[in-house]
Amino acid sequence: TIEPGARAAEVLMMGLRLTEGVPVARIKARSGLEFDEVVSGDRLAPLVDGGLLTLTDSHISATTAGRRVLDSLLAALLA
């Protein structure tokens, strides 16, 4: 059995590799956790402000610059 937090992290790790990103609702559907339970606003804001992530009401996605440093971005986002 995979814990909900690990399942949510996996959804983000796989989804952020895609140009279209991942629907925020998919995190809840796959893990049972709300987006803000998985990703802290304190961690998210600098990544969005720094141009590495985009966040809309429905999706989170890595920008071109974010995909270039995706491993580090994910570590910062999910730590």
PDB file of N, CA and C in Angstrom:
ATOM      1  N   THR A   1       0.841  -1.174   0.000  1.00  0.00           N
ATOM      2  CA  THR A   1       0.000   0.000   0.000  1.00  0.00           C
ATOM      3  C   THR A   1       0.888   1.239   0.000  1.00  0.00           C
ATOM      4  N   ILE A   2       0.542   2.182  -0.846  1.00  0.00           N
ATOM      5  CA  ILE A   2       1.278   3.435  -0.924  1.00  0.00           C
ATOM      6  C   ILE A   2       0.540   4.480  -0.093  1.00  0.00           C
ATOM      7  N   GLU A   3       1.264   5.156   0.771  1.00  0.00           N
ATOM      8  CA  GLU A   3       0.690   6.195   1.621  1.00  0.00           C
ATOM      9  C   GLU A   3       0.160   7.348   0.765  1.00  0.00           C
ATOM     10  N   PRO A   4      -0.894   8.030   1.216  1.00  0.00           N
ATOM     11  CA  PRO A   4      -1.462   9.134   0.440  1.00  0.00           C
ATOM     12  C   PRO A   4      -0.456  10.219   0.065  1.00  0.00           C
ATOM     13  N   GLY A   5       0.425  10.599   0.976  1.00  0.00           N
ATOM     14  CA  GLY A   5       1.419  11.623   0.680  1.00  0.00           C
ATOM     15  C   GLY A   5       2.374  11.194  -0.425  1.00  0.00           C
ATOM     16  N   ALA A   6       2.796   9.953  -0.389  1.00  0.00           N
ATOM     17  CA  ALA A   6       3.689   9.425  -1.426  1.00  0.00           C
ATOM     18  C   ALA A   6       2.958   9.336  -2.759  1.00  0.00           C
ATOM     19  N   ARG A   7       1.703   8.967  -2.724  1.00  0.00           N
ATOM     20  CA  ARG A   7       0.900   8.883  -3.943  1.00  0.00           C
ATOM     21  C   ARG A   7       0.731  10.280  -4.565  1.00  0.00           C
ATOM     22  N   ALA A   8       0.466  11.278  -3.738  1.00  0.00           N
ATOM     23  CA  ALA A   8       0.317  12.650  -4.226  1.00  0.00           C
ATOM     24  C   ALA A   8       1.643  13.151  -4.816  1.00  0.00           C
ATOM     25  N   ALA A   9       2.749  12.854  -4.158  1.00  0.00           N
ATOM     26  CA  ALA A   9       4.061  13.264  -4.656  1.00  0.00           C
ATOM     27  C   ALA A   9       4.342  12.615  -6.011  1.00  0.00           C
ATOM     28  N   GLU A  10       3.968  11.374  -6.158  1.00  0.00           N
ATOM     29  CA  GLU A  10       4.161  10.665  -7.428  1.00  0.00           C
ATOM     30  C   GLU A  10       3.355  11.316  -8.547  1.00  0.00           C
ATOM     31  N   VAL A  11       2.123  11.707  -8.249  1.00  0.00           N
ATOM     32  CA  VAL A  11       1.296  12.397  -9.245  1.00  0.00           C
ATOM     33  C   VAL A  11       1.987  13.683  -9.691  1.00  0.00           C
ATOM     34  N   LEU A  12       2.505  14.448  -8.747  1.00  0.00           N
ATOM     35  CA  LEU A  12       3.210  15.681  -9.084  1.00  0.00           C
ATOM     36  C   LEU A  12       4.489  15.407  -9.862  1.00  0.00           C
ATOM     37  N   MET A  13       5.275  14.443  -9.424  1.00  0.00           N
ATOM     38  CA  MET A  13       6.535  14.141 -10.096  1.00  0.00           C
ATOM     39  C   MET A  13       6.321  13.743 -11.545  1.00  0.00           C
ATOM     40  N   MET A  14       5.330  12.926 -11.799  1.00  0.00           N
ATOM     41  CA  MET A  14       5.061  12.486 -13.165  1.00  0.00           C
ATOM     42  C   MET A  14       4.382  13.590 -13.973  1.00  0.00           C
ATOM     43  N   GLY A  15       3.423  14.282 -13.386  1.00  0.00           N
ATOM     44  CA  GLY A  15       2.661  15.287 -14.102  1.00  0.00           C
ATOM     45  C   GLY A  15       3.461  16.514 -14.469  1.00  0.00           C
ATOM     46  N   LEU A  16       4.398  16.917 -13.625  1.00  0.00           N
ATOM     47  CA  LEU A  16       5.178  18.113 -13.923  1.00  0.00           C
ATOM     48  C   LEU A  16       6.193  17.881 -15.036  1.00  0.00           C
ATOM     49  N   ARG A  17       6.397  16.645 -15.410  1.00  0.00           N
ATOM     50  CA  ARG A  17       7.276  16.351 -16.545  1.00  0.00           C
ATOM     51  C   ARG A  17       6.576  16.646 -17.871  1.00  0.00           C
ATOM     52  N   LEU A  18       5.254  16.737 -17.841  1.00  0.00           N
ATOM     53  CA  LEU A  18       4.471  16.991 -19.046  1.00  0.00           C
ATOM     54  C   LEU A  18       4.309  18.491 -19.270  1.00  0.00           C
ATOM     55  N   THR A  19       4.282  18.906 -20.512  1.00  0.00           N
ATOM     56  CA  THR A  19       4.104  20.317 -20.847  1.00  0.00           C
ATOM     57  C   THR A  19       2.816  20.858 -20.253  1.00  0.00           C
ATOM     58  N   GLU A  20       1.740  20.088 -20.319  1.00  0.00           N
ATOM     59  CA  GLU A  20       0.451  20.560 -19.813  1.00  0.00           C
ATOM     60  C   GLU A  20       0.349  20.491 -18.293  1.00  0.00           C
ATOM     61  N   GLY A  21       1.313  19.867 -17.638  1.00  0.00           N
ATOM     62  CA  GLY A  21       1.293  19.781 -16.187  1.00  0.00           C
ATOM     63  C   GLY A  21       0.304  18.753 -15.682  1.00  0.00           C
ATOM     64  N   VAL A  22      -0.223  19.008 -14.514  1.00  0.00           N
ATOM     65  CA  VAL A  22      -1.128  18.055 -13.874  1.00  0.00           C
ATOM     66  C   VAL A  22      -2.350  18.814 -13.338  1.00  0.00           C
ATOM     67  N   PRO A  23      -3.528  18.264 -13.573  1.00  0.00           N
ATOM     68  CA  PRO A  23      -4.712  18.875 -12.965  1.00  0.00           C
ATOM     69  C   PRO A  23      -4.633  18.756 -11.439  1.00  0.00           C
ATOM     70  N   VAL A  24      -4.890  19.842 -10.763  1.00  0.00           N
ATOM     71  CA  VAL A  24      -4.847  19.847  -9.305  1.00  0.00           C
ATOM     72  C   VAL A  24      -5.850  18.831  -8.748  1.00  0.00           C
ATOM     73  N   ALA A  25      -6.974  18.672  -9.401  1.00  0.00           N
ATOM     74  CA  ALA A  25      -7.991  17.710  -8.957  1.00  0.00           C
ATOM     75  C   ALA A  25      -7.480  16.275  -8.996  1.00  0.00           C
ATOM     76  N   ARG A  26      -6.510  15.991  -9.856  1.00  0.00           N
ATOM     77  CA  ARG A  26      -5.973  14.628  -9.944  1.00  0.00           C
ATOM     78  C   ARG A  26      -5.260  14.233  -8.649  1.00  0.00           C
ATOM     79  N   ILE A  27      -4.660  15.209  -7.988  1.00  0.00           N
ATOM     80  CA  ILE A  27      -3.972  14.923  -6.730  1.00  0.00           C
ATOM     81  C   ILE A  27      -4.976  14.408  -5.710  1.00  0.00           C
ATOM     82  N   LYS A  28      -6.099  15.089  -5.593  1.00  0.00           N
ATOM     83  CA  LYS A  28      -7.160  14.663  -4.666  1.00  0.00           C
ATOM     84  C   LYS A  28      -7.725  13.301  -5.079  1.00  0.00           C
ATOM     85  N   ALA A  29      -7.955  13.131  -6.370  1.00  0.00           N
ATOM     86  CA  ALA A  29      -8.533  11.880  -6.860  1.00  0.00           C
ATOM     87  C   ALA A  29      -7.631  10.678  -6.600  1.00  0.00           C
ATOM     88  N   ARG A  30      -6.332  10.865  -6.742  1.00  0.00           N
ATOM     89  CA  ARG A  30      -5.390   9.748  -6.583  1.00  0.00           C
ATOM     90  C   ARG A  30      -4.936   9.516  -5.152  1.00  0.00           C
ATOM     91  N   SER A  31      -4.954  10.591  -4.330  1.00  0.00           N
ATOM     92  CA  SER A  31      -4.389  10.443  -2.988  1.00  0.00           C
ATOM     93  C   SER A  31      -5.380  10.688  -1.856  1.00  0.00           C
ATOM     94  N   GLY A  32      -6.473  11.385  -2.171  1.00  0.00           N
ATOM     95  CA  GLY A  32      -7.409  11.766  -1.123  1.00  0.00           C
ATOM     96  C   GLY A  32      -6.999  13.027  -0.381  1.00  0.00           C
ATOM     97  N   LEU A  33      -5.872  13.609  -0.767  1.00  0.00           N
ATOM     98  CA  LEU A  33      -5.361  14.814  -0.121  1.00  0.00           C
ATOM     99  C   LEU A  33      -5.636  16.039  -0.987  1.00  0.00           C
ATOM    100  N   GLU A  34      -5.941  17.147  -0.333  1.00  0.00           N
ATOM    101  CA  GLU A  34      -6.091  18.407  -1.045  1.00  0.00           C
ATOM    102  C   GLU A  34      -4.713  18.905  -1.467  1.00  0.00           C
ATOM    103  N   PHE A  35      -4.683  19.704  -2.531  1.00  0.00           N
ATOM    104  CA  PHE A  35      -3.423  20.234  -3.047  1.00  0.00           C
ATOM    105  C   PHE A  35      -2.623  20.947  -1.961  1.00  0.00           C
ATOM    106  N   ASP A  36      -3.296  21.790  -1.175  1.00  0.00           N
ATOM    107  CA  ASP A  36      -2.569  22.545  -0.149  1.00  0.00           C
ATOM    108  C   ASP A  36      -2.124  21.690   1.031  1.00  0.00           C
ATOM    109  N   GLU A  37      -2.591  20.445   1.112  1.00  0.00           N
ATOM    110  CA  GLU A  37      -2.080  19.506   2.111  1.00  0.00           C
ATOM    111  C   GLU A  37      -0.773  18.874   1.633  1.00  0.00           C
ATOM    112  N   VAL A  38      -0.575  18.883   0.321  1.00  0.00           N
ATOM    113  CA  VAL A  38       0.603  18.261  -0.280  1.00  0.00           C
ATOM    114  C   VAL A  38       1.705  19.285  -0.507  1.00  0.00           C
ATOM    115  N   VAL A  39       1.308  20.472  -0.959  1.00  0.00           N
ATOM    116  CA  VAL A  39       2.267  21.514  -1.324  1.00  0.00           C
ATOM    117  C   VAL A  39       2.039  22.733  -0.443  1.00  0.00           C
ATOM    118  N   SER A  40       3.046  23.113   0.288  1.00  0.00           N
ATOM    119  CA  SER A  40       2.987  24.289   1.145  1.00  0.00           C
ATOM    120  C   SER A  40       3.050  25.559   0.296  1.00  0.00           C
ATOM    121  N   GLY A  41       2.199  26.511   0.620  1.00  0.00           N
ATOM    122  CA  GLY A  41       2.231  27.799  -0.065  1.00  0.00           C
ATOM    123  C   GLY A  41       3.569  28.489   0.073  1.00  0.00           C
ATOM    124  N   ASP A  42       4.241  28.269   1.208  1.00  0.00           N
ATOM    125  CA  ASP A  42       5.564  28.865   1.432  1.00  0.00           C
ATOM    126  C   ASP A  42       6.607  28.303   0.470  1.00  0.00           C
ATOM    127  N   ARG A  43       6.424  27.078   0.061  1.00  0.00           N
ATOM    128  CA  ARG A  43       7.349  26.462  -0.898  1.00  0.00           C
ATOM    129  C   ARG A  43       6.948  26.793  -2.332  1.00  0.00           C
ATOM    130  N   LEU A  44       5.654  26.884  -2.563  1.00  0.00           N
ATOM    131  CA  LEU A  44       5.131  27.105  -3.906  1.00  0.00           C
ATOM    132  C   LEU A  44       5.391  28.524  -4.408  1.00  0.00           C
ATOM    133  N   ALA A  45       5.139  29.519  -3.581  1.00  0.00           N
ATOM    134  CA  ALA A  45       5.212  30.920  -4.006  1.00  0.00           C
ATOM    135  C   ALA A  45       6.554  31.304  -4.636  1.00  0.00           C
ATOM    136  N   PRO A  46       7.696  30.956  -4.032  1.00  0.00           N
ATOM    137  CA  PRO A  46       8.963  31.350  -4.663  1.00  0.00           C
ATOM    138  C   PRO A  46       9.192  30.676  -6.020  1.00  0.00           C
ATOM    139  N   LEU A  47       8.666  29.489  -6.185  1.00  0.00           N
ATOM    140  CA  LEU A  47       8.841  28.782  -7.454  1.00  0.00           C
ATOM    141  C   LEU A  47       7.976  29.390  -8.549  1.00  0.00           C
ATOM    142  N   VAL A  48       6.783  29.833  -8.178  1.00  0.00           N
ATOM    143  CA  VAL A  48       5.912  30.532  -9.128  1.00  0.00           C
ATOM    144  C   VAL A  48       6.504  31.914  -9.428  1.00  0.00           C
ATOM    145  N   ASP A  49       6.865  32.640  -8.376  1.00  0.00           N
ATOM    146  CA  ASP A  49       7.440  33.976  -8.552  1.00  0.00           C
ATOM    147  C   ASP A  49       8.749  33.935  -9.340  1.00  0.00           C
ATOM    148  N   GLY A  50       9.491  32.857  -9.200  1.00  0.00           N
ATOM    149  CA  GLY A  50      10.757  32.706  -9.907  1.00  0.00           C
ATOM    150  C   GLY A  50      10.619  32.218 -11.332  1.00  0.00           C
ATOM    151  N   GLY A  51       9.376  32.006 -11.778  1.00  0.00           N
ATOM    152  CA  GLY A  51       9.152  31.599 -13.160  1.00  0.00           C
ATOM    153  C   GLY A  51       9.403  30.134 -13.444  1.00  0.00           C
ATOM    154  N   LEU A  52       9.416  29.300 -12.405  1.00  0.00           N
ATOM    155  CA  LEU A  52       9.650  27.869 -12.610  1.00  0.00           C
ATOM    156  C   LEU A  52       8.363  27.061 -12.677  1.00  0.00           C
ATOM    157  N   LEU A  53       7.305  27.562 -12.053  1.00  0.00           N
ATOM    158  CA  LEU A  53       6.002  26.894 -12.056  1.00  0.00           C
ATOM    159  C   LEU A  53       4.917  27.893 -12.407  1.00  0.00           C
ATOM    160  N   THR A  54       3.849  27.369 -12.996  1.00  0.00           N
ATOM    161  CA  THR A  54       2.628  28.148 -13.152  1.00  0.00           C
ATOM    162  C   THR A  54       1.517  27.404 -12.437  1.00  0.00           C
ATOM    163  N   LEU A  55       0.624  28.167 -11.830  1.00  0.00           N
ATOM    164  CA  LEU A  55      -0.497  27.588 -11.103  1.00  0.00           C
ATOM    165  C   LEU A  55      -1.759  28.344 -11.493  1.00  0.00           C
ATOM    166  N   THR A  56      -2.747  27.595 -11.968  1.00  0.00           N
ATOM    167  CA  THR A  56      -4.055  28.171 -12.262  1.00  0.00           C
ATOM    168  C   THR A  56      -5.047  27.531 -11.300  1.00  0.00           C
ATOM    169  N   ASP A  57      -6.304  27.867 -11.458  1.00  0.00           N
ATOM    170  CA  ASP A  57      -7.327  27.244 -10.620  1.00  0.00           C
ATOM    171  C   ASP A  57      -7.402  25.741 -10.838  1.00  0.00           C
ATOM    172  N   SER A  58      -6.996  25.288 -12.017  1.00  0.00           N
ATOM    173  CA  SER A  58      -7.167  23.873 -12.335  1.00  0.00           C
ATOM    174  C   SER A  58      -5.882  23.079 -12.531  1.00  0.00           C
ATOM    175  N   HIS A  59      -4.755  23.728 -12.830  1.00  0.00           N
ATOM    176  CA  HIS A  59      -3.525  23.008 -13.160  1.00  0.00           C
ATOM    177  C   HIS A  59      -2.298  23.616 -12.482  1.00  0.00           C
ATOM    178  N   ILE A  60      -1.320  22.745 -12.289  1.00  0.00           N
ATOM    179  CA  ILE A  60       0.020  23.188 -11.935  1.00  0.00           C
ATOM    180  C   ILE A  60       0.941  22.625 -13.009  1.00  0.00           C
ATOM    181  N   SER A  61       1.844  23.457 -13.493  1.00  0.00           N
ATOM    182  CA  SER A  61       2.762  22.994 -14.524  1.00  0.00           C
ATOM    183  C   SER A  61       4.116  23.664 -14.354  1.00  0.00           C
ATOM    184  N   ALA A  62       5.128  22.968 -14.830  1.00  0.00           N
ATOM    185  CA  ALA A  62       6.482  23.516 -14.834  1.00  0.00           C
ATOM    186  C   ALA A  62       6.651  24.318 -16.117  1.00  0.00           C
ATOM    187  N   THR A  63       7.275  25.463 -16.005  1.00  0.00           N
ATOM    188  CA  THR A  63       7.606  26.245 -17.185  1.00  0.00           C
ATOM    189  C   THR A  63       8.772  25.565 -17.897  1.00  0.00           C
ATOM    190  N   THR A  64       9.148  26.088 -19.041  1.00  0.00           N
ATOM    191  CA  THR A  64      10.314  25.549 -19.743  1.00  0.00           C
ATOM    192  C   THR A  64      11.540  25.606 -18.841  1.00  0.00           C
ATOM    193  N   ALA A  65      11.727  26.732 -18.167  1.00  0.00           N
ATOM    194  CA  ALA A  65      12.861  26.872 -17.239  1.00  0.00           C
ATOM    195  C   ALA A  65      12.740  25.881 -16.086  1.00  0.00           C
ATOM    196  N   GLY A  66      11.541  25.660 -15.599  1.00  0.00           N
ATOM    197  CA  GLY A  66      11.315  24.720 -14.508  1.00  0.00           C
ATOM    198  C   GLY A  66      11.601  23.284 -14.894  1.00  0.00           C
ATOM    199  N   ARG A  67      11.241  22.921 -16.134  1.00  0.00           N
ATOM    200  CA  ARG A  67      11.510  21.548 -16.585  1.00  0.00           C
ATOM    201  C   ARG A  67      13.007  21.290 -16.727  1.00  0.00           C
ATOM    202  N   ARG A  68      13.771  22.344 -16.978  1.00  0.00           N
ATOM    203  CA  ARG A  68      15.231  22.182 -17.098  1.00  0.00           C
ATOM    204  C   ARG A  68      15.871  21.815 -15.758  1.00  0.00           C
ATOM    205  N   VAL A  69      15.242  22.224 -14.672  1.00  0.00           N
ATOM    206  CA  VAL A  69      15.777  21.953 -13.331  1.00  0.00           C
ATOM    207  C   VAL A  69      14.742  21.182 -12.505  1.00  0.00           C
ATOM    208  N   LEU A  70      14.023  20.293 -13.159  1.00  0.00           N
ATOM    209  CA  LEU A  70      12.868  19.647 -12.536  1.00  0.00           C
ATOM    210  C   LEU A  70      13.214  18.868 -11.277  1.00  0.00           C
ATOM    211  N   ASP A  71      14.307  18.164 -11.268  1.00  0.00           N
ATOM    212  CA  ASP A  71      14.655  17.397 -10.075  1.00  0.00           C
ATOM    213  C   ASP A  71      14.828  18.324  -8.860  1.00  0.00           C
ATOM    214  N   SER A  72      15.530  19.427  -9.050  1.00  0.00           N
ATOM    215  CA  SER A  72      15.703  20.385  -7.955  1.00  0.00           C
ATOM    216  C   SER A  72      14.396  21.064  -7.594  1.00  0.00           C
ATOM    217  N   LEU A  73      13.595  21.375  -8.595  1.00  0.00           N
ATOM    218  CA  LEU A  73      12.298  21.992  -8.372  1.00  0.00           C
ATOM    219  C   LEU A  73      11.406  21.082  -7.524  1.00  0.00           C
ATOM    220  N   LEU A  74      11.359  19.811  -7.880  1.00  0.00           N
ATOM    221  CA  LEU A  74      10.542  18.853  -7.118  1.00  0.00           C
ATOM    222  C   LEU A  74      11.048  18.710  -5.693  1.00  0.00           C
ATOM    223  N   ALA A  75      12.351  18.695  -5.516  1.00  0.00           N
ATOM    224  CA  ALA A  75      12.906  18.600  -4.168  1.00  0.00           C
ATOM    225  C   ALA A  75      12.486  19.807  -3.333  1.00  0.00           C
ATOM    226  N   ALA A  76      12.530  20.988  -3.923  1.00  0.00           N
ATOM    227  CA  ALA A  76      12.127  22.200  -3.209  1.00  0.00           C
ATOM    228  C   ALA A  76      10.626  22.213  -2.925  1.00  0.00           C
ATOM    229  N   LEU A  77       9.855  21.721  -3.870  1.00  0.00           N
ATOM    230  CA  LEU A  77       8.398  21.743  -3.739  1.00  0.00           C
ATOM    231  C   LEU A  77       7.893  20.736  -2.720  1.00  0.00           C
ATOM    232  N   LEU A  78       8.494  19.572  -2.674  1.00  0.00           N
ATOM    233  CA  LEU A  78       7.971  18.468  -1.872  1.00  0.00           C
ATOM    234  C   LEU A  78       8.741  18.213  -0.589  1.00  0.00           C
ATOM    235  N   ALA A  79       9.796  18.948  -0.341  1.00  0.00           N
ATOM    236  CA  ALA A  79      10.620  18.702   0.849  1.00  0.00           C
ATOM    237  C   ALA A  79       9.856  18.964   2.133  1.00  0.00           C
TER     238      ALA A  79
END
